[in-house]
Amino acid sequence: MIIAITGGTGFIGRHLIARHVARGDEVRYLTRHTPEKVIAGATAVIGDLSVIDSLLPLVRGVDVLYHCAAELNDVTKMRDTNVVGTHLLLTAANGQVKRWVQLSSTGVYGSKPTQDVNENTPINPMNAYEISKAAADELVYTAMNEQRLHGVVLRPSNVYGVDMPNQSLFQLVNMIKRGLFFFIGGRGSMVNYIHLDNVIDALILCGTATLPANGRTYIVSDCCTLKEFVAIITTALGVPCPKKRLPETLVRLVACLGDYLPRFPLRSSRVDALTYRHIYQTNKIESELGYRHTISMSAGLSELVRYAK
């Protein structure tokens, strides 16, 4: 198979490249600059999502295109990269790509859903990143509905792994190790994470499995209670499980300071993450594509803690 990947130098993309190379596929990946380190078995295509002509060598005669590129941090670049870039890539891919796999995010359902989420849940993007991802997905759905494209949209929850660029989990491990962690509000908070290897499995299923229909959306996630999540970490660290629990109202009041003070360790978004009550349901990808987790939450978190030590 001929595989094309945008975002191939990123956290998810580079592991996706390695997996397809190991399968014996011909792999191309988009990069803005000549790579300092060559990815063995894959071909770098120098180009930019803002320049349509540079995308043509990437998409020409491709069996599966994985659109993994996205701007996560710079709000001023999110629309140009995530929305306009997707539009230009769709234009370049017209008539060239047999299947498009759109890497989206459960973030499009909102930063803090009030109930369990499945693929039929209405989207409710709140911040600039979520809004841009939802808009990009809509462009892909439109192309698929017009039969200009055959493909699928995959929405993972929070993706983690030992080489993840986001340091939030490592910070949590450090807080627990130092005895600084405390639970917030009532019991029953849920955690939604998905190990990188599981996401790669899901992406490849979306790219290679027989799809029941065009334009499918799939959620992939793993979940457990926050208490179970913390217990996995404390066991791996060899420290006691925290017992301190503070009122949510009080913690949110203090966290408001962190929203305006860059170095303050507590923010409203962190409080949200520690008081989730919802889960992301994965029944659809399991029943339609035969997806199963290969890395459990316990195994994945324990690996991360060992790496953090």
C-alpha atoms as a PDB file:
ATOM      1  CA  MET A   1       0.000   0.000   0.000  1.00  0.00           C
ATOM      2  CA  ILE A   2       1.017   3.597  -0.578  1.00  0.00           C
ATOM      3  CA  ILE A   3       0.540   5.609   2.613  1.00  0.00           C
ATOM      4  CA  ALA A   4       0.689   9.392   3.039  1.00  0.00           C
ATOM      5  CA  ILE A   5       0.827  11.090   6.428  1.00  0.00           C
ATOM      6  CA  THR A   6       0.622  14.726   7.468  1.00  0.00           C
ATOM      7  CA  GLY A   7       1.988  15.534  10.909  1.00  0.00           C
ATOM      8  CA  GLY A   8       4.474  12.726  10.412  1.00  0.00           C
ATOM      9  CA  THR A   9       7.110  14.289  12.642  1.00  0.00           C
ATOM     10  CA  GLY A  10       4.671  14.701  15.538  1.00  0.00           C
ATOM     11  CA  PHE A  11       3.959  12.484  18.538  1.00  0.00           C
ATOM     12  CA  ILE A  12       1.345  10.304  16.842  1.00  0.00           C
ATOM     13  CA  GLY A  13       2.542  10.664  13.257  1.00  0.00           C
ATOM     14  CA  ARG A  14       6.058   9.352  13.715  1.00  0.00           C
ATOM     15  CA  HIS A  15       4.795   6.206  15.440  1.00  0.00           C
ATOM     16  CA  LEU A  16       2.211   5.714  12.695  1.00  0.00           C
ATOM     17  CA  ILE A  17       5.002   5.939  10.108  1.00  0.00           C
ATOM     18  CA  ALA A  18       7.063   3.324  11.957  1.00  0.00           C
ATOM     19  CA  ARG A  19       4.117   0.928  12.147  1.00  0.00           C
ATOM     20  CA  HIS A  20       3.332   1.208   8.425  1.00  0.00           C
ATOM     21  CA  VAL A  21       6.996   0.835   7.478  1.00  0.00           C
ATOM     22  CA  ALA A  22       7.105  -2.334   9.596  1.00  0.00           C
ATOM     23  CA  ARG A  23       4.104  -3.605   7.625  1.00  0.00           C
ATOM     24  CA  GLY A  24       6.072  -3.187   4.410  1.00  0.00           C
ATOM     25  CA  ASP A  25       4.072  -0.243   3.081  1.00  0.00           C
ATOM     26  CA  GLU A  26       5.451   2.610   0.988  1.00  0.00           C
ATOM     27  CA  VAL A  27       5.222   5.635   3.271  1.00  0.00           C
ATOM     28  CA  ARG A  28       5.418   9.345   2.462  1.00  0.00           C
ATOM     29  CA  TYR A  29       5.173  12.064   5.070  1.00  0.00           C
ATOM     30  CA  LEU A  30       4.831  15.832   4.818  1.00  0.00           C
ATOM     31  CA  THR A  31       7.425  18.052   6.463  1.00  0.00           C
ATOM     32  CA  ARG A  32       8.072  21.779   6.114  1.00  0.00           C
ATOM     33  CA  HIS A  33      11.848  21.420   6.235  1.00  0.00           C
ATOM     34  CA  THR A  34      14.446  18.910   5.153  1.00  0.00           C
ATOM     35  CA  PRO A  35      14.562  16.567   8.164  1.00  0.00           C
ATOM     36  CA  GLU A  36      17.751  16.520  10.222  1.00  0.00           C
ATOM     37  CA  LYS A  37      17.058  12.891  11.059  1.00  0.00           C
ATOM     38  CA  VAL A  38      15.799  10.638   8.276  1.00  0.00           C
ATOM     39  CA  ILE A  39      12.923   8.321   9.198  1.00  0.00           C
ATOM     40  CA  ALA A  40      14.092   4.915   8.005  1.00  0.00           C
ATOM     41  CA  GLY A  41      11.931   3.390   5.294  1.00  0.00           C
ATOM     42  CA  ALA A  42       9.835   6.525   4.714  1.00  0.00           C
ATOM     43  CA  THR A  43      10.084   9.326   2.162  1.00  0.00           C
ATOM     44  CA  ALA A  44       9.970  12.951   3.294  1.00  0.00           C
ATOM     45  CA  VAL A  45       7.934  15.258   1.058  1.00  0.00           C
ATOM     46  CA  ILE A  46       8.956  18.876   1.594  1.00  0.00           C
ATOM     47  CA  GLY A  47       5.811  20.965   1.617  1.00  0.00           C
ATOM     48  CA  ASP A  48       3.360  23.034   3.577  1.00  0.00           C
ATOM     49  CA  LEU A  49      -0.383  22.789   4.146  1.00  0.00           C
ATOM     50  CA  SER A  50      -0.657  26.415   3.034  1.00  0.00           C
ATOM     51  CA  VAL A  51       0.861  25.744  -0.422  1.00  0.00           C
ATOM     52  CA  ILE A  52      -1.333  23.446  -2.491  1.00  0.00           C
ATOM     53  CA  ASP A  53       1.267  22.714  -5.182  1.00  0.00           C
ATOM     54  CA  SER A  54       3.625  21.349  -2.526  1.00  0.00           C
ATOM     55  CA  LEU A  55       0.961  18.828  -1.479  1.00  0.00           C
ATOM     56  CA  LEU A  56       0.591  17.172  -4.876  1.00  0.00           C
ATOM     57  CA  PRO A  57       3.662  14.890  -4.591  1.00  0.00           C
ATOM     58  CA  LEU A  58       2.372  13.726  -1.203  1.00  0.00           C
ATOM     59  CA  VAL A  59      -1.095  12.656  -2.346  1.00  0.00           C
ATOM     60  CA  ARG A  60      -0.458  11.373  -5.867  1.00  0.00           C
ATOM     61  CA  GLY A  61      -1.731   7.797  -6.244  1.00  0.00           C
ATOM     62  CA  VAL A  62      -2.150   7.212  -2.510  1.00  0.00           C
ATOM     63  CA  ASP A  63      -4.128   4.311  -1.031  1.00  0.00           C
ATOM     64  CA  VAL A  64      -4.542   5.823   2.444  1.00  0.00           C
ATOM     65  CA  LEU A  65      -3.915   9.381   3.609  1.00  0.00           C
ATOM     66  CA  TYR A  66      -3.786  10.041   7.349  1.00  0.00           C
ATOM     67  CA  HIS A  67      -4.339  13.712   8.125  1.00  0.00           C
ATOM     68  CA  CYS A  68      -2.650  14.009  11.530  1.00  0.00           C
ATOM     69  CA  ALA A  69      -1.214  17.524  11.255  1.00  0.00           C
ATOM     70  CA  ALA A  70      -2.709  20.143  13.575  1.00  0.00           C
ATOM     71  CA  GLU A  71      -1.736  23.285  15.425  1.00  0.00           C
ATOM     72  CA  LEU A  72      -2.402  22.723  19.129  1.00  0.00           C
ATOM     73  CA  ASN A  73      -0.716  25.662  20.843  1.00  0.00           C
ATOM     74  CA  ASP A  74      -0.609  28.866  18.789  1.00  0.00           C
ATOM     75  CA  VAL A  75      -4.143  30.264  18.632  1.00  0.00           C
ATOM     76  CA  THR A  76      -3.180  32.680  15.848  1.00  0.00           C
ATOM     77  CA  LYS A  77      -2.245  29.756  13.562  1.00  0.00           C
ATOM     78  CA  MET A  78      -5.049  27.327  14.353  1.00  0.00           C
ATOM     79  CA  ARG A  79      -7.506  28.372  11.669  1.00  0.00           C
ATOM     80  CA  ASP A  80      -4.885  28.602   8.918  1.00  0.00           C
ATOM     81  CA  THR A  81      -3.345  25.228   9.771  1.00  0.00           C
ATOM     82  CA  ASN A  82      -6.307  23.193  10.951  1.00  0.00           C
ATOM     83  CA  VAL A  83      -9.080  24.540   8.721  1.00  0.00           C
ATOM     84  CA  VAL A  84      -7.561  26.219   5.662  1.00  0.00           C
ATOM     85  CA  GLY A  85      -4.808  23.591   5.541  1.00  0.00           C
ATOM     86  CA  THR A  86      -7.406  20.814   5.543  1.00  0.00           C
ATOM     87  CA  HIS A  87      -9.308  22.547   2.736  1.00  0.00           C
ATOM     88  CA  LEU A  88      -6.187  22.773   0.571  1.00  0.00           C
ATOM     89  CA  LEU A  89      -5.237  19.172   1.306  1.00  0.00           C
ATOM     90  CA  LEU A  90      -8.744  18.023   0.347  1.00  0.00           C
ATOM     91  CA  THR A  91      -8.438  19.939  -2.913  1.00  0.00           C
ATOM     92  CA  ALA A  92      -5.068  18.362  -3.675  1.00  0.00           C
ATOM     93  CA  ALA A  93      -6.324  14.877  -2.743  1.00  0.00           C
ATOM     94  CA  ASN A  94      -9.376  14.997  -5.014  1.00  0.00           C
ATOM     95  CA  GLY A  95      -9.174  12.007  -7.356  1.00  0.00           C
ATOM     96  CA  GLN A  96      -5.799  10.928  -5.942  1.00  0.00           C
ATOM     97  CA  VAL A  97      -6.524   9.368  -2.543  1.00  0.00           C
ATOM     98  CA  LYS A  98      -8.525   6.157  -2.145  1.00  0.00           C
ATOM     99  CA  ARG A  99      -9.183   6.586   1.587  1.00  0.00           C
ATOM    100  CA  TRP A 100      -8.832   9.556   3.924  1.00  0.00           C
ATOM    101  CA  VAL A 101      -8.435   9.057   7.680  1.00  0.00           C
ATOM    102  CA  GLN A 102      -9.038  12.262   9.613  1.00  0.00           C
ATOM    103  CA  LEU A 103      -7.396  12.376  13.044  1.00  0.00           C
ATOM    104  CA  SER A 104      -9.789  14.479  15.087  1.00  0.00           C
ATOM    105  CA  SER A 105     -10.313  14.747  18.851  1.00  0.00           C
ATOM    106  CA  THR A 106     -13.011  14.128  21.439  1.00  0.00           C
ATOM    107  CA  GLY A 107     -12.396  17.784  22.282  1.00  0.00           C
ATOM    108  CA  VAL A 108     -14.991  18.690  19.635  1.00  0.00           C
ATOM    109  CA  TYR A 109     -17.665  17.470  22.073  1.00  0.00           C
ATOM    110  CA  GLY A 110     -16.649  20.194  24.509  1.00  0.00           C
ATOM    111  CA  SER A 111     -14.165  20.654  27.317  1.00  0.00           C
ATOM    112  CA  LYS A 112     -16.457  19.188  29.991  1.00  0.00           C
ATOM    113  CA  PRO A 113     -19.452  17.201  28.715  1.00  0.00           C
ATOM    114  CA  THR A 114     -22.226  16.702  31.251  1.00  0.00           C
ATOM    115  CA  GLN A 115     -23.014  13.124  30.192  1.00  0.00           C
ATOM    116  CA  ASP A 116     -21.366  10.125  28.547  1.00  0.00           C
ATOM    117  CA  VAL A 117     -20.327  10.765  24.949  1.00  0.00           C
ATOM    118  CA  ASN A 118     -20.762   8.630  21.846  1.00  0.00           C
ATOM    119  CA  GLU A 119     -20.591   9.361  18.122  1.00  0.00           C
ATOM    120  CA  ASN A 120     -24.190  10.620  18.098  1.00  0.00           C
ATOM    121  CA  THR A 121     -23.532  13.238  20.774  1.00  0.00           C
ATOM    122  CA  PRO A 122     -23.826  16.757  19.292  1.00  0.00           C
ATOM    123  CA  ILE A 123     -20.500  18.526  19.058  1.00  0.00           C
ATOM    124  CA  ASN A 124     -19.977  21.482  21.374  1.00  0.00           C
ATOM    125  CA  PRO A 125     -16.493  22.932  20.752  1.00  0.00           C
ATOM    126  CA  MET A 126     -15.582  25.657  23.236  1.00  0.00           C
ATOM    127  CA  ASN A 127     -11.989  26.810  22.760  1.00  0.00           C
ATOM    128  CA  ALA A 128     -10.104  27.837  19.623  1.00  0.00           C
ATOM    129  CA  TYR A 129      -8.505  24.426  19.100  1.00  0.00           C
ATOM    130  CA  GLU A 130     -11.773  22.517  19.480  1.00  0.00           C
ATOM    131  CA  ILE A 131     -13.556  24.938  17.138  1.00  0.00           C
ATOM    132  CA  SER A 132     -10.861  24.608  14.476  1.00  0.00           C
ATOM    133  CA  LYS A 133     -10.881  20.791  14.678  1.00  0.00           C
ATOM    134  CA  ALA A 134     -14.670  20.687  14.381  1.00  0.00           C
ATOM    135  CA  ALA A 135     -14.520  22.981  11.341  1.00  0.00           C
ATOM    136  CA  ALA A 136     -11.849  20.792   9.717  1.00  0.00           C
ATOM    137  CA  ASP A 137     -13.950  17.673  10.333  1.00  0.00           C
ATOM    138  CA  GLU A 138     -16.936  19.370   8.721  1.00  0.00           C
ATOM    139  CA  LEU A 139     -14.925  20.003   5.552  1.00  0.00           C
ATOM    140  CA  VAL A 140     -14.060  16.303   5.419  1.00  0.00           C
ATOM    141  CA  TYR A 141     -17.661  15.228   6.032  1.00  0.00           C
ATOM    142  CA  THR A 142     -18.817  17.522   3.226  1.00  0.00           C
ATOM    143  CA  ALA A 143     -16.305  15.999   0.809  1.00  0.00           C
ATOM    144  CA  MET A 144     -17.403  12.493   1.812  1.00  0.00           C
ATOM    145  CA  ASN A 145     -21.112  13.334   1.543  1.00  0.00           C
ATOM    146  CA  GLU A 146     -20.510  14.683  -1.956  1.00  0.00           C
ATOM    147  CA  GLN A 147     -18.697  11.422  -2.806  1.00  0.00           C
ATOM    148  CA  ARG A 148     -15.504  13.319  -3.571  1.00  0.00           C
ATOM    149  CA  LEU A 149     -13.784  11.319  -0.862  1.00  0.00           C
ATOM    150  CA  HIS A 150     -14.000   7.927   0.835  1.00  0.00           C
ATOM    151  CA  GLY A 151     -12.974   7.986   4.446  1.00  0.00           C
ATOM    152  CA  VAL A 152     -13.468   8.069   8.182  1.00  0.00           C
ATOM    153  CA  VAL A 153     -12.990  10.424  11.143  1.00  0.00           C
ATOM    154  CA  LEU A 154     -11.274   9.085  14.288  1.00  0.00           C
ATOM    155  CA  ARG A 155     -11.675  10.934  17.589  1.00  0.00           C
ATOM    156  CA  PRO A 156      -9.278   9.827  20.348  1.00  0.00           C
ATOM    157  CA  SER A 157      -9.484  11.185  23.883  1.00  0.00           C
ATOM    158  CA  ASN A 158      -6.276  12.295  25.664  1.00  0.00           C
ATOM    159  CA  VAL A 159      -3.393  10.409  24.048  1.00  0.00           C
ATOM    160  CA  TYR A 160      -0.472   9.474  26.289  1.00  0.00           C
ATOM    161  CA  GLY A 161       2.847   7.671  25.990  1.00  0.00           C
ATOM    162  CA  VAL A 162       6.383   7.934  27.312  1.00  0.00           C
ATOM    163  CA  ASP A 163       7.458  10.442  24.637  1.00  0.00           C
ATOM    164  CA  MET A 164       4.337  12.607  24.793  1.00  0.00           C
ATOM    165  CA  PRO A 165       5.130  16.331  24.382  1.00  0.00           C
ATOM    166  CA  ASN A 166       2.395  17.403  26.802  1.00  0.00           C
ATOM    167  CA  GLN A 167       3.852  17.276  30.311  1.00  0.00           C
ATOM    168  CA  SER A 168       0.570  17.215  32.259  1.00  0.00           C
ATOM    169  CA  LEU A 169       0.703  13.513  33.150  1.00  0.00           C
ATOM    170  CA  PHE A 170       4.344  13.731  34.187  1.00  0.00           C
ATOM    171  CA  GLN A 171       3.429  16.708  36.382  1.00  0.00           C
ATOM    172  CA  LEU A 172       0.622  14.676  37.947  1.00  0.00           C
ATOM    173  CA  VAL A 173       3.008  11.785  38.652  1.00  0.00           C
ATOM    174  CA  ASN A 174       5.445  14.223  40.258  1.00  0.00           C
ATOM    175  CA  MET A 175       2.708  15.741  42.440  1.00  0.00           C
ATOM    176  CA  ILE A 176       1.652  12.299  43.643  1.00  0.00           C
ATOM    177  CA  LYS A 177       5.272  11.311  44.281  1.00  0.00           C
ATOM    178  CA  ARG A 178       5.817  14.443  46.400  1.00  0.00           C
ATOM    179  CA  GLY A 179       2.582  13.948  48.346  1.00  0.00           C
ATOM    180  CA  LEU A 180       0.986  17.116  46.944  1.00  0.00           C
ATOM    181  CA  PHE A 181      -1.987  15.556  45.157  1.00  0.00           C
ATOM    182  CA  PHE A 182      -5.512  15.805  46.547  1.00  0.00           C
ATOM    183  CA  PHE A 183      -8.924  14.735  45.280  1.00  0.00           C
ATOM    184  CA  ILE A 184     -11.510  17.390  44.485  1.00  0.00           C
ATOM    185  CA  GLY A 185     -15.201  17.279  45.366  1.00  0.00           C
ATOM    186  CA  GLY A 186     -17.310  14.137  45.606  1.00  0.00           C
ATOM    187  CA  ARG A 187     -16.288  10.625  44.658  1.00  0.00           C
ATOM    188  CA  GLY A 188     -16.876   9.134  41.227  1.00  0.00           C
ATOM    189  CA  SER A 189     -14.718  11.342  39.010  1.00  0.00           C
ATOM    190  CA  MET A 190     -13.684   9.626  35.765  1.00  0.00           C
ATOM    191  CA  VAL A 191     -10.477   9.719  33.726  1.00  0.00           C
ATOM    192  CA  ASN A 192     -10.400   9.398  29.920  1.00  0.00           C
ATOM    193  CA  TYR A 193      -7.023   8.591  28.367  1.00  0.00           C
ATOM    194  CA  ILE A 194      -5.867   6.359  25.527  1.00  0.00           C
ATOM    195  CA  HIS A 195      -2.395   4.884  25.067  1.00  0.00           C
ATOM    196  CA  LEU A 196      -0.518   5.888  21.927  1.00  0.00           C
ATOM    197  CA  ASP A 197      -0.190   2.276  20.720  1.00  0.00           C
ATOM    198  CA  ASN A 198      -3.960   1.860  20.920  1.00  0.00           C
ATOM    199  CA  VAL A 199      -4.469   5.004  18.840  1.00  0.00           C
ATOM    200  CA  ILE A 200      -2.070   3.684  16.195  1.00  0.00           C
ATOM    201  CA  ASP A 201      -4.037   0.418  16.135  1.00  0.00           C
ATOM    202  CA  ALA A 202      -7.280   2.353  15.682  1.00  0.00           C
ATOM    203  CA  LEU A 203      -5.830   4.552  12.933  1.00  0.00           C
ATOM    204  CA  ILE A 204      -4.589   1.553  10.963  1.00  0.00           C
ATOM    205  CA  LEU A 205      -7.961  -0.165  11.320  1.00  0.00           C
ATOM    206  CA  CYS A 206      -9.616   2.983   9.977  1.00  0.00           C
ATOM    207  CA  GLY A 207      -7.164   2.998   7.093  1.00  0.00           C
ATOM    208  CA  THR A 208      -7.218  -0.669   6.133  1.00  0.00           C
ATOM    209  CA  ALA A 209     -10.350  -2.406   7.446  1.00  0.00           C
ATOM    210  CA  THR A 210     -13.537  -2.766   5.431  1.00  0.00           C
ATOM    211  CA  LEU A 211     -15.770   0.141   6.421  1.00  0.00           C
ATOM    212  CA  PRO A 212     -19.530  -0.472   6.698  1.00  0.00           C
ATOM    213  CA  ALA A 213     -20.224   2.913   5.095  1.00  0.00           C
ATOM    214  CA  ASN A 214     -18.492   6.072   3.946  1.00  0.00           C
ATOM    215  CA  GLY A 215     -18.168   8.993   6.345  1.00  0.00           C
ATOM    216  CA  ARG A 216     -18.073   6.994   9.567  1.00  0.00           C
ATOM    217  CA  THR A 217     -17.008   8.605  12.856  1.00  0.00           C
ATOM    218  CA  TYR A 218     -15.313   6.567  15.576  1.00  0.00           C
ATOM    219  CA  ILE A 219     -14.339   7.424  19.151  1.00  0.00           C
ATOM    220  CA  VAL A 220     -11.408   5.617  20.745  1.00  0.00           C
ATOM    221  CA  SER A 221     -10.741   5.993  24.462  1.00  0.00           C
ATOM    222  CA  ASP A 222     -10.056   4.131  27.677  1.00  0.00           C
ATOM    223  CA  CYS A 223     -11.421   5.069  31.077  1.00  0.00           C
ATOM    224  CA  CYS A 224     -11.370   4.338  34.785  1.00  0.00           C
ATOM    225  CA  THR A 225     -12.246   6.206  37.951  1.00  0.00           C
ATOM    226  CA  LEU A 226      -9.814   8.873  39.099  1.00  0.00           C
ATOM    227  CA  LYS A 227      -9.242   6.860  42.275  1.00  0.00           C
ATOM    228  CA  GLU A 228      -8.230   3.808  40.193  1.00  0.00           C
ATOM    229  CA  PHE A 229      -6.050   5.991  37.966  1.00  0.00           C
ATOM    230  CA  VAL A 230      -4.172   7.439  40.946  1.00  0.00           C
ATOM    231  CA  ALA A 231      -3.865   3.986  42.538  1.00  0.00           C
ATOM    232  CA  ILE A 232      -2.098   2.662  39.420  1.00  0.00           C
ATOM    233  CA  ILE A 233       0.402   5.524  39.681  1.00  0.00           C
ATOM    234  CA  THR A 234       0.998   5.145  43.426  1.00  0.00           C
ATOM    235  CA  THR A 235       1.534   1.400  43.042  1.00  0.00           C
ATOM    236  CA  ALA A 236       4.102   2.003  40.303  1.00  0.00           C
ATOM    237  CA  LEU A 237       5.798   4.663  42.454  1.00  0.00           C
ATOM    238  CA  GLY A 238       5.654   2.591  45.623  1.00  0.00           C
ATOM    239  CA  VAL A 239       4.008   5.389  47.630  1.00  0.00           C
ATOM    240  CA  PRO A 240       0.741   5.523  49.623  1.00  0.00           C
ATOM    241  CA  CYS A 241      -2.448   6.483  47.818  1.00  0.00           C
ATOM    242  CA  PRO A 242      -3.536  10.086  48.631  1.00  0.00           C
ATOM    243  CA  LYS A 243      -6.547  10.419  50.902  1.00  0.00           C
ATOM    244  CA  LYS A 244      -6.959  14.203  51.114  1.00  0.00           C
ATOM    245  CA  ARG A 245     -10.159  15.535  49.490  1.00  0.00           C
ATOM    246  CA  LEU A 246     -11.038  19.256  49.236  1.00  0.00           C
ATOM    247  CA  PRO A 247     -14.378  20.912  48.377  1.00  0.00           C
ATOM    248  CA  GLU A 248     -14.727  21.634  44.653  1.00  0.00           C
ATOM    249  CA  THR A 249     -16.098  25.149  45.243  1.00  0.00           C
ATOM    250  CA  LEU A 250     -13.053  26.131  47.299  1.00  0.00           C
ATOM    251  CA  VAL A 251     -10.576  24.664  44.809  1.00  0.00           C
ATOM    252  CA  ARG A 252     -12.291  26.373  41.866  1.00  0.00           C
ATOM    253  CA  LEU A 253     -12.103  29.694  43.677  1.00  0.00           C
ATOM    254  CA  VAL A 254      -8.355  29.297  44.164  1.00  0.00           C
ATOM    255  CA  ALA A 255      -7.917  28.041  40.584  1.00  0.00           C
ATOM    256  CA  CYS A 256      -9.363  31.297  39.260  1.00  0.00           C
ATOM    257  CA  LEU A 257      -6.080  32.916  40.316  1.00  0.00           C
ATOM    258  CA  GLY A 258      -4.163  30.432  38.198  1.00  0.00           C
ATOM    259  CA  ASP A 259      -6.107  31.452  35.106  1.00  0.00           C
ATOM    260  CA  TYR A 260      -4.372  34.844  35.339  1.00  0.00           C
ATOM    261  CA  LEU A 261      -1.024  33.920  36.889  1.00  0.00           C
ATOM    262  CA  PRO A 262       1.211  31.967  34.458  1.00  0.00           C
ATOM    263  CA  ARG A 263       3.301  30.224  37.143  1.00  0.00           C
ATOM    264  CA  PHE A 264       0.402  29.317  39.432  1.00  0.00           C
ATOM    265  CA  PRO A 265       0.194  25.484  39.659  1.00  0.00           C
ATOM    266  CA  LEU A 266      -3.615  25.226  39.603  1.00  0.00           C
ATOM    267  CA  ARG A 267      -5.955  26.306  36.792  1.00  0.00           C
ATOM    268  CA  SER A 268      -9.655  25.918  36.104  1.00  0.00           C
ATOM    269  CA  SER A 269      -8.887  23.538  33.237  1.00  0.00           C
ATOM    270  CA  ARG A 270      -6.941  21.291  35.623  1.00  0.00           C
ATOM    271  CA  VAL A 271      -9.863  21.289  38.068  1.00  0.00           C
ATOM    272  CA  ASP A 272     -12.171  20.328  35.190  1.00  0.00           C
ATOM    273  CA  ALA A 273      -9.881  17.426  34.290  1.00  0.00           C
ATOM    274  CA  LEU A 274      -9.953  16.129  37.868  1.00  0.00           C
ATOM    275  CA  THR A 275     -13.738  16.327  38.236  1.00  0.00           C
ATOM    276  CA  TYR A 276     -14.982  14.757  34.980  1.00  0.00           C
ATOM    277  CA  ARG A 277     -18.060  12.557  35.381  1.00  0.00           C
ATOM    278  CA  HIS A 278     -18.381  11.386  31.775  1.00  0.00           C
ATOM    279  CA  ILE A 279     -16.742   8.697  29.669  1.00  0.00           C
ATOM    280  CA  TYR A 280     -16.223   8.398  25.912  1.00  0.00           C
ATOM    281  CA  GLN A 281     -17.871   5.243  24.620  1.00  0.00           C
ATOM    282  CA  THR A 282     -15.971   3.027  22.164  1.00  0.00           C
ATOM    283  CA  ASN A 283     -18.683   0.470  21.369  1.00  0.00           C
ATOM    284  CA  LYS A 284     -18.935   1.543  17.727  1.00  0.00           C
ATOM    285  CA  ILE A 285     -15.310   1.028  16.688  1.00  0.00           C
ATOM    286  CA  GLU A 286     -15.269  -2.242  18.637  1.00  0.00           C
ATOM    287  CA  SER A 287     -18.379  -3.651  16.965  1.00  0.00           C
ATOM    288  CA  GLU A 288     -17.785  -2.340  13.433  1.00  0.00           C
ATOM    289  CA  LEU A 289     -14.007  -2.629  13.051  1.00  0.00           C
ATOM    290  CA  GLY A 290     -13.141  -5.192  15.725  1.00  0.00           C
ATOM    291  CA  TYR A 291     -10.987  -2.761  17.702  1.00  0.00           C
ATOM    292  CA  ARG A 292      -9.612  -3.903  21.075  1.00  0.00           C
ATOM    293  CA  HIS A 293      -7.174  -2.216  23.455  1.00  0.00           C
ATOM    294  CA  THR A 294      -3.741  -3.831  23.225  1.00  0.00           C
ATOM    295  CA  ILE A 295      -2.294  -1.704  26.056  1.00  0.00           C
ATOM    296  CA  SER A 296      -4.387  -1.523  29.221  1.00  0.00           C
ATOM    297  CA  MET A 297      -4.604   1.618  31.324  1.00  0.00           C
ATOM    298  CA  SER A 298      -2.666  -0.147  34.077  1.00  0.00           C
ATOM    299  CA  ALA A 299       0.153  -1.291  31.779  1.00  0.00           C
ATOM    300  CA  GLY A 300       0.400   2.026  29.950  1.00  0.00           C
ATOM    301  CA  LEU A 301       0.443   4.187  33.076  1.00  0.00           C
ATOM    302  CA  SER A 302       2.925   1.927  34.833  1.00  0.00           C
ATOM    303  CA  GLU A 303       5.248   2.206  31.829  1.00  0.00           C
ATOM    304  CA  LEU A 304       4.953   6.001  31.918  1.00  0.00           C
ATOM    305  CA  VAL A 305       5.737   6.120  35.650  1.00  0.00           C
ATOM    306  CA  ARG A 306       8.833   3.959  35.159  1.00  0.00           C
ATOM    307  CA  TYR A 307       9.961   6.344  32.420  1.00  0.00           C
ATOM    308  CA  ALA A 308       9.252   9.377  34.632  1.00  0.00           C
ATOM    309  CA  LYS A 309      11.434   7.979  37.428  1.00  0.00           C
END
